[in-house]
Amino acid sequence: MIRVFVYGTLLVGESNHHVVAPYVLSVRSGRVRGALFDAGAYPGLVLSGCGGETDVEGEWLVVTQEGLNRMDELEEYYGPGARNDYERVWVRDSRREECEGWVYLWNEPRGYPRIAGGSWREYARRKQELGSML
């Protein structure tokens, strides 16, 4: 059983969920402590060191090994010590300590604007609504 916390485009119903959908065995809502940053079409998560960490909303996906491999490809994770876009690290849910697994994250915000509130879905919805008003 491989559990992965997703918080952006891999969420059920979001633009990249199709990448992992065939390999998902179960989905459960969850939260981790950190901060989200807007990289345009997707978010980046930083767990600590940027100040103002909050509960980031997401989902715990239980996936097959092939599902994890597909997520590694999408997130440009090539393994420990490699030049990765995202790092894959072990985390615990901020509200259910017994729930833990992998998450893809950045080591620092990379100069992107912070997403207030901790929800990519809510932020992306508001961003889309504002864009349609312009």
Protein backbone atom coordinates (compact mmCIF):
# COMPACT_ATOMS: atom_id res chain seq x y z
CA MET A 1 0.00 0.00 0.00
CA ILE A 2 1.50 3.33 -1.11
CA ARG A 3 -0.09 6.47 0.28
CA VAL A 4 0.57 9.87 -1.31
CA PHE A 5 -0.75 13.26 -0.22
CA VAL A 6 -1.81 15.39 -3.21
CA TYR A 7 -2.81 19.05 -2.98
CA GLY A 8 -2.97 20.46 -6.52
CA THR A 9 -3.56 19.21 -10.04
CA LEU A 10 -3.49 15.53 -8.95
CA LEU A 11 -6.60 16.00 -6.79
CA VAL A 12 -9.72 14.13 -7.91
CA GLY A 13 -11.37 16.24 -10.64
CA GLU A 14 -8.32 18.41 -11.31
CA SER A 15 -6.34 18.67 -14.55
CA ASN A 16 -3.70 15.97 -13.90
CA HIS A 17 -5.74 13.45 -11.93
CA HIS A 18 -6.06 11.33 -15.10
CA VAL A 19 -2.32 10.56 -14.80
CA VAL A 20 -2.86 8.58 -11.60
CA ALA A 21 -6.59 7.69 -11.75
CA PRO A 22 -6.13 4.15 -13.17
CA TYR A 23 -3.82 3.30 -10.25
CA VAL A 24 -5.83 4.77 -7.37
CA LEU A 25 -7.13 2.22 -4.87
CA SER A 26 -8.71 4.70 -2.42
CA VAL A 27 -9.05 8.43 -1.69
CA ARG A 28 -9.39 10.16 1.68
CA SER A 29 -9.35 13.86 2.50
CA GLY A 30 -6.45 15.15 4.56
CA ARG A 31 -4.22 18.06 5.54
CA VAL A 32 -0.54 18.74 6.06
CA ARG A 33 1.19 21.75 7.61
CA GLY A 34 2.89 24.01 5.09
CA ALA A 35 2.41 26.81 2.59
CA LEU A 36 1.23 26.73 -1.03
CA PHE A 37 2.70 28.85 -3.82
CA ASP A 38 1.20 29.69 -7.22
CA ALA A 39 3.41 28.53 -10.11
CA GLY A 40 0.73 29.38 -12.67
CA ALA A 41 -1.05 26.19 -13.73
CA TYR A 42 -0.09 24.28 -10.58
CA PRO A 43 0.97 24.85 -6.97
CA GLY A 44 4.13 24.10 -5.05
CA LEU A 45 4.15 23.10 -1.39
CA VAL A 46 6.83 24.15 1.11
CA LEU A 47 6.54 22.43 4.48
CA SER A 48 8.50 24.83 6.66
CA GLY A 49 10.90 27.73 6.74
CA CYS A 50 8.78 30.22 4.82
CA GLY A 51 6.72 31.48 7.76
CA GLY A 52 2.97 31.43 8.21
CA GLU A 53 2.48 27.70 7.66
CA THR A 54 -1.14 26.60 7.70
CA ASP A 55 -3.13 23.44 7.10
CA VAL A 56 -2.96 22.68 3.39
CA GLU A 57 -6.03 20.84 2.13
CA GLY A 58 -5.63 17.78 -0.04
CA GLU A 59 -6.29 14.10 -0.48
CA TRP A 60 -4.48 10.96 0.54
CA LEU A 61 -4.40 8.64 -2.46
CA VAL A 62 -3.58 4.98 -2.00
CA VAL A 63 -1.92 3.93 -5.25
CA THR A 64 -0.12 1.02 -6.84
CA GLN A 65 3.63 1.12 -7.52
CA GLU A 66 2.86 2.03 -11.14
CA GLY A 67 0.77 4.96 -9.87
CA LEU A 68 3.71 6.21 -7.81
CA ASN A 69 5.97 5.82 -10.84
CA ARG A 70 3.57 7.90 -12.97
CA MET A 71 3.44 10.62 -10.30
CA ASP A 72 7.26 10.61 -10.10
CA GLU A 73 7.36 11.25 -13.87
CA LEU A 74 4.80 14.04 -13.70
CA GLU A 75 6.53 15.74 -10.77
CA GLU A 76 9.98 15.27 -12.34
CA TYR A 77 11.22 13.30 -9.36
CA TYR A 78 14.20 11.13 -10.38
CA GLY A 79 15.25 9.86 -6.95
CA PRO A 80 17.20 10.94 -3.87
CA GLY A 81 20.09 13.26 -4.68
CA ALA A 82 19.04 13.78 -8.32
CA ARG A 83 18.15 17.16 -9.87
CA ASN A 84 14.43 16.95 -9.10
CA ASP A 85 11.80 19.58 -9.70
CA TYR A 86 9.89 18.33 -6.65
CA GLU A 87 11.29 16.27 -3.80
CA ARG A 88 9.33 13.31 -2.50
CA VAL A 89 9.34 13.18 1.31
CA TRP A 90 7.44 11.36 4.06
CA VAL A 91 4.82 13.38 5.99
CA ARG A 92 2.02 12.91 8.50
CA ASP A 93 -1.48 14.30 8.28
CA SER A 94 -1.77 17.35 10.54
CA ARG A 95 -5.04 16.13 12.09
CA ARG A 96 -4.74 12.34 11.95
CA GLU A 97 -1.27 11.33 13.10
CA GLU A 98 -1.85 7.69 12.09
CA CYS A 99 -2.20 8.79 8.46
CA GLU A 100 1.17 9.23 6.76
CA GLY A 101 2.79 8.83 3.37
CA TRP A 102 4.65 10.56 0.54
CA VAL A 103 4.22 14.14 -0.67
CA TYR A 104 5.89 16.08 -3.48
CA LEU A 105 7.24 19.44 -2.36
CA TRP A 106 9.67 22.24 -2.96
CA ASN A 107 12.48 23.16 -0.58
CA GLU A 108 11.71 26.89 -0.93
CA PRO A 109 9.06 29.14 -2.57
CA ARG A 110 11.15 29.91 -5.71
CA GLY A 111 9.85 33.49 -5.80
CA TYR A 112 6.25 32.51 -6.54
CA PRO A 113 3.32 34.24 -4.80
CA ARG A 114 1.86 32.58 -1.75
CA ILE A 115 -1.62 31.06 -1.91
CA ALA A 116 -3.59 32.20 1.13
CA GLY A 117 -5.95 29.76 2.79
CA GLY A 118 -4.24 26.45 2.02
CA SER A 119 -6.62 25.23 -0.69
CA TRP A 120 -5.51 24.95 -4.33
CA ARG A 121 -9.06 24.11 -5.45
CA GLU A 122 -10.54 27.22 -3.85
CA TYR A 123 -7.68 29.41 -5.08
CA ALA A 124 -7.85 28.06 -8.65
CA ARG A 125 -11.64 28.56 -8.72
CA ARG A 126 -11.30 32.19 -7.57
CA LYS A 127 -8.46 32.77 -10.02
CA GLN A 128 -10.59 31.42 -12.88
CA GLU A 129 -13.57 33.56 -11.87
CA LEU A 130 -11.39 36.69 -11.77
CA GLY A 131 -9.89 35.82 -15.16
CA SER A 132 -13.31 35.48 -16.73
CA MET A 133 -14.25 38.95 -15.44
CA LEU A 134 -11.36 40.60 -17.28
